[in-house]
Amino acid sequence: MDRKRELKQQYKETPVEAGVFQIKNKQNNKIYIGSSKNLKTLNGIKFMLENNGFTTSKALQAEWNQFGKDAFTFDLLEKLKKNDDPFVTQKEALAELEEKWLEKLQPYEEQGYNQK
């Protein structure tokens, strides 16, 4: 029981970080690029996929159901750096960072699960 309490405390103390992530299908190399204001939520995305509830990309959900969770990897592409510019919000900076990775990796049509 102490271990559970210890893990809970460790989770709470982990700083909240924003960034861009990739979900990759190892069977066909298709990718999904996403971003989150809290990268801890990647476990929630895995949970949604495992329970057929990922509505952001129906194609990704369909192939998750087809190939199973072991066919996919979750990778952090880049953490959002602290921005001292008072005119740029975290939301805007995160959107720009995600756009950079979408441009670079082009995860559309046969190459991925994102929509243009």
C-alpha atoms as a PDB file:
ATOM      1  CA  MET A   1       0.000   0.000   0.000  1.00  0.00           C
ATOM      2  CA  ASP A   2       2.898   2.382   0.713  1.00  0.00           C
ATOM      3  CA  ARG A   3       4.193   1.828  -2.820  1.00  0.00           C
ATOM      4  CA  LYS A   4       0.847   2.918  -4.269  1.00  0.00           C
ATOM      5  CA  ARG A   5       0.848   6.067  -2.134  1.00  0.00           C
ATOM      6  CA  GLU A   6       4.452   6.747  -3.157  1.00  0.00           C
ATOM      7  CA  LEU A   7       3.625   6.409  -6.875  1.00  0.00           C
ATOM      8  CA  LYS A   8       0.624   8.692  -6.494  1.00  0.00           C
ATOM      9  CA  GLN A   9       2.761  11.344  -4.836  1.00  0.00           C
ATOM     10  CA  GLN A  10       5.428  10.992  -7.520  1.00  0.00           C
ATOM     11  CA  TYR A  11       2.763  11.497 -10.214  1.00  0.00           C
ATOM     12  CA  LYS A  12       1.479  14.643  -8.506  1.00  0.00           C
ATOM     13  CA  GLU A  13       4.981  16.083  -8.191  1.00  0.00           C
ATOM     14  CA  THR A  14       5.873  15.473 -11.839  1.00  0.00           C
ATOM     15  CA  PRO A  15       5.781  18.853 -13.584  1.00  0.00           C
ATOM     16  CA  VAL A  16       3.085  19.426 -16.177  1.00  0.00           C
ATOM     17  CA  GLU A  17       4.737  19.719 -19.574  1.00  0.00           C
ATOM     18  CA  ALA A  18       3.242  20.512 -22.962  1.00  0.00           C
ATOM     19  CA  GLY A  19       4.496  19.073 -26.212  1.00  0.00           C
ATOM     20  CA  VAL A  20       3.998  17.221 -29.469  1.00  0.00           C
ATOM     21  CA  PHE A  21       3.780  13.441 -29.698  1.00  0.00           C
ATOM     22  CA  GLN A  22       3.575  10.761 -32.350  1.00  0.00           C
ATOM     23  CA  ILE A  23       1.641   7.495 -32.401  1.00  0.00           C
ATOM     24  CA  LYS A  24       3.221   5.132 -34.924  1.00  0.00           C
ATOM     25  CA  ASN A  25       1.820   1.940 -36.388  1.00  0.00           C
ATOM     26  CA  LYS A  26       4.797  -0.437 -36.641  1.00  0.00           C
ATOM     27  CA  GLN A  27       2.917  -2.632 -39.140  1.00  0.00           C
ATOM     28  CA  ASN A  28       2.538  -0.024 -41.888  1.00  0.00           C
ATOM     29  CA  ASN A  29       4.575   2.970 -40.567  1.00  0.00           C
ATOM     30  CA  LYS A  30       1.550   5.283 -40.568  1.00  0.00           C
ATOM     31  CA  ILE A  31       1.728   8.013 -37.950  1.00  0.00           C
ATOM     32  CA  TYR A  32      -0.551  10.314 -36.022  1.00  0.00           C
ATOM     33  CA  ILE A  33       0.793  13.641 -34.769  1.00  0.00           C
ATOM     34  CA  GLY A  34      -0.876  15.281 -31.801  1.00  0.00           C
ATOM     35  CA  SER A  35      -0.165  17.774 -29.069  1.00  0.00           C
ATOM     36  CA  SER A  36      -1.117  18.142 -25.453  1.00  0.00           C
ATOM     37  CA  LYS A  37      -0.890  20.865 -22.823  1.00  0.00           C
ATOM     38  CA  ASN A  38      -0.234  18.023 -20.388  1.00  0.00           C
ATOM     39  CA  LEU A  39       1.859  15.130 -21.706  1.00  0.00           C
ATOM     40  CA  LYS A  40       0.705  13.031 -18.745  1.00  0.00           C
ATOM     41  CA  THR A  41      -2.541  12.629 -20.700  1.00  0.00           C
ATOM     42  CA  LEU A  42      -0.886  10.213 -23.153  1.00  0.00           C
ATOM     43  CA  ASN A  43      -2.021   7.420 -20.851  1.00  0.00           C
ATOM     44  CA  GLY A  44      -5.563   8.718 -21.287  1.00  0.00           C
ATOM     45  CA  ILE A  45      -5.186   8.544 -25.064  1.00  0.00           C
ATOM     46  CA  LYS A  46      -3.979   4.937 -24.786  1.00  0.00           C
ATOM     47  CA  PHE A  47      -6.988   4.189 -22.581  1.00  0.00           C
ATOM     48  CA  MET A  48      -9.374   5.729 -25.137  1.00  0.00           C
ATOM     49  CA  LEU A  49      -7.810   3.697 -27.955  1.00  0.00           C
ATOM     50  CA  GLU A  50      -7.996   0.483 -25.928  1.00  0.00           C
ATOM     51  CA  ASN A  51     -11.670   1.149 -25.217  1.00  0.00           C
ATOM     52  CA  ASN A  52     -12.654   2.146 -28.756  1.00  0.00           C
ATOM     53  CA  GLY A  53     -13.205   5.760 -27.739  1.00  0.00           C
ATOM     54  CA  PHE A  54     -10.596   7.741 -29.678  1.00  0.00           C
ATOM     55  CA  THR A  55     -12.801   9.970 -31.822  1.00  0.00           C
ATOM     56  CA  THR A  56     -10.044  12.349 -32.970  1.00  0.00           C
ATOM     57  CA  SER A  57      -8.981   9.926 -35.715  1.00  0.00           C
ATOM     58  CA  LYS A  58     -11.390   7.187 -36.735  1.00  0.00           C
ATOM     59  CA  ALA A  59      -8.741   5.696 -39.056  1.00  0.00           C
ATOM     60  CA  LEU A  60      -6.268   5.374 -36.187  1.00  0.00           C
ATOM     61  CA  GLN A  61      -8.933   3.828 -33.966  1.00  0.00           C
ATOM     62  CA  ALA A  62      -9.882   1.336 -36.701  1.00  0.00           C
ATOM     63  CA  GLU A  63      -6.293   0.211 -37.209  1.00  0.00           C
ATOM     64  CA  TRP A  64      -5.710   0.052 -33.434  1.00  0.00           C
ATOM     65  CA  ASN A  65      -8.685  -2.308 -33.278  1.00  0.00           C
ATOM     66  CA  GLN A  66      -7.338  -4.295 -36.240  1.00  0.00           C
ATOM     67  CA  PHE A  67      -3.650  -4.592 -35.262  1.00  0.00           C
ATOM     68  CA  GLY A  68      -3.830  -4.311 -31.460  1.00  0.00           C
ATOM     69  CA  LYS A  69      -1.927  -2.133 -29.007  1.00  0.00           C
ATOM     70  CA  ASP A  70       1.393  -3.953 -29.459  1.00  0.00           C
ATOM     71  CA  ALA A  71       1.568  -2.709 -33.057  1.00  0.00           C
ATOM     72  CA  PHE A  72       1.826   0.937 -31.913  1.00  0.00           C
ATOM     73  CA  THR A  73       4.451   3.110 -30.261  1.00  0.00           C
ATOM     74  CA  PHE A  74       4.001   6.448 -28.522  1.00  0.00           C
ATOM     75  CA  ASP A  75       6.897   8.870 -28.892  1.00  0.00           C
ATOM     76  CA  LEU A  76       7.482  12.373 -27.612  1.00  0.00           C
ATOM     77  CA  LEU A  77       8.672  14.510 -30.524  1.00  0.00           C
ATOM     78  CA  GLU A  78       9.302  17.788 -28.737  1.00  0.00           C
ATOM     79  CA  LYS A  79       8.492  19.478 -25.446  1.00  0.00           C
ATOM     80  CA  LEU A  80       7.262  23.048 -25.529  1.00  0.00           C
ATOM     81  CA  LYS A  81       9.951  25.380 -24.257  1.00  0.00           C
ATOM     82  CA  LYS A  82       9.083  28.109 -21.786  1.00  0.00           C
ATOM     83  CA  ASN A  83       8.174  31.283 -23.638  1.00  0.00           C
ATOM     84  CA  ASP A  84       8.860  34.680 -22.120  1.00  0.00           C
ATOM     85  CA  ASP A  85       6.885  36.531 -24.788  1.00  0.00           C
ATOM     86  CA  PRO A  86       3.762  37.901 -23.043  1.00  0.00           C
ATOM     87  CA  PHE A  87       1.948  38.163 -26.384  1.00  0.00           C
ATOM     88  CA  VAL A  88       2.148  34.443 -27.213  1.00  0.00           C
ATOM     89  CA  THR A  89      -0.077  32.082 -25.227  1.00  0.00           C
ATOM     90  CA  GLN A  90       0.873  28.496 -24.469  1.00  0.00           C
ATOM     91  CA  LYS A  91      -2.007  27.372 -26.690  1.00  0.00           C
ATOM     92  CA  GLU A  92      -0.675  29.383 -29.643  1.00  0.00           C
ATOM     93  CA  ALA A  93       2.907  28.240 -29.109  1.00  0.00           C
ATOM     94  CA  LEU A  94       1.784  24.603 -28.889  1.00  0.00           C
ATOM     95  CA  ALA A  95      -0.265  24.948 -32.090  1.00  0.00           C
ATOM     96  CA  GLU A  96       2.795  26.372 -33.882  1.00  0.00           C
ATOM     97  CA  LEU A  97       4.973  23.522 -32.611  1.00  0.00           C
ATOM     98  CA  GLU A  98       2.433  20.928 -33.750  1.00  0.00           C
ATOM     99  CA  GLU A  99       2.178  22.613 -37.158  1.00  0.00           C
ATOM    100  CA  LYS A 100       5.970  22.449 -37.499  1.00  0.00           C
ATOM    101  CA  TRP A 101       5.876  18.666 -36.969  1.00  0.00           C
ATOM    102  CA  LEU A 102       2.879  18.205 -39.273  1.00  0.00           C
ATOM    103  CA  GLU A 103       4.797  20.041 -42.007  1.00  0.00           C
ATOM    104  CA  LYS A 104       7.939  18.021 -41.389  1.00  0.00           C
ATOM    105  CA  LEU A 105       6.380  14.535 -41.205  1.00  0.00           C
ATOM    106  CA  GLN A 106       3.299  14.958 -43.450  1.00  0.00           C
ATOM    107  CA  PRO A 107       1.116  12.352 -41.658  1.00  0.00           C
ATOM    108  CA  TYR A 108      -1.699  12.490 -44.213  1.00  0.00           C
ATOM    109  CA  GLU A 109      -3.517   9.969 -46.432  1.00  0.00           C
ATOM    110  CA  GLU A 110      -1.338   6.850 -46.974  1.00  0.00           C
ATOM    111  CA  GLN A 111       1.366   8.182 -44.624  1.00  0.00           C
ATOM    112  CA  GLY A 112      -0.749   8.817 -41.587  1.00  0.00           C
ATOM    113  CA  TYR A 113      -3.929   9.384 -39.677  1.00  0.00           C
ATOM    114  CA  ASN A 114      -4.113  13.190 -39.518  1.00  0.00           C
ATOM    115  CA  GLN A 115      -6.528  15.207 -41.653  1.00  0.00           C
ATOM    116  CA  LYS A 116      -5.380  18.229 -43.680  1.00  0.00           C
END
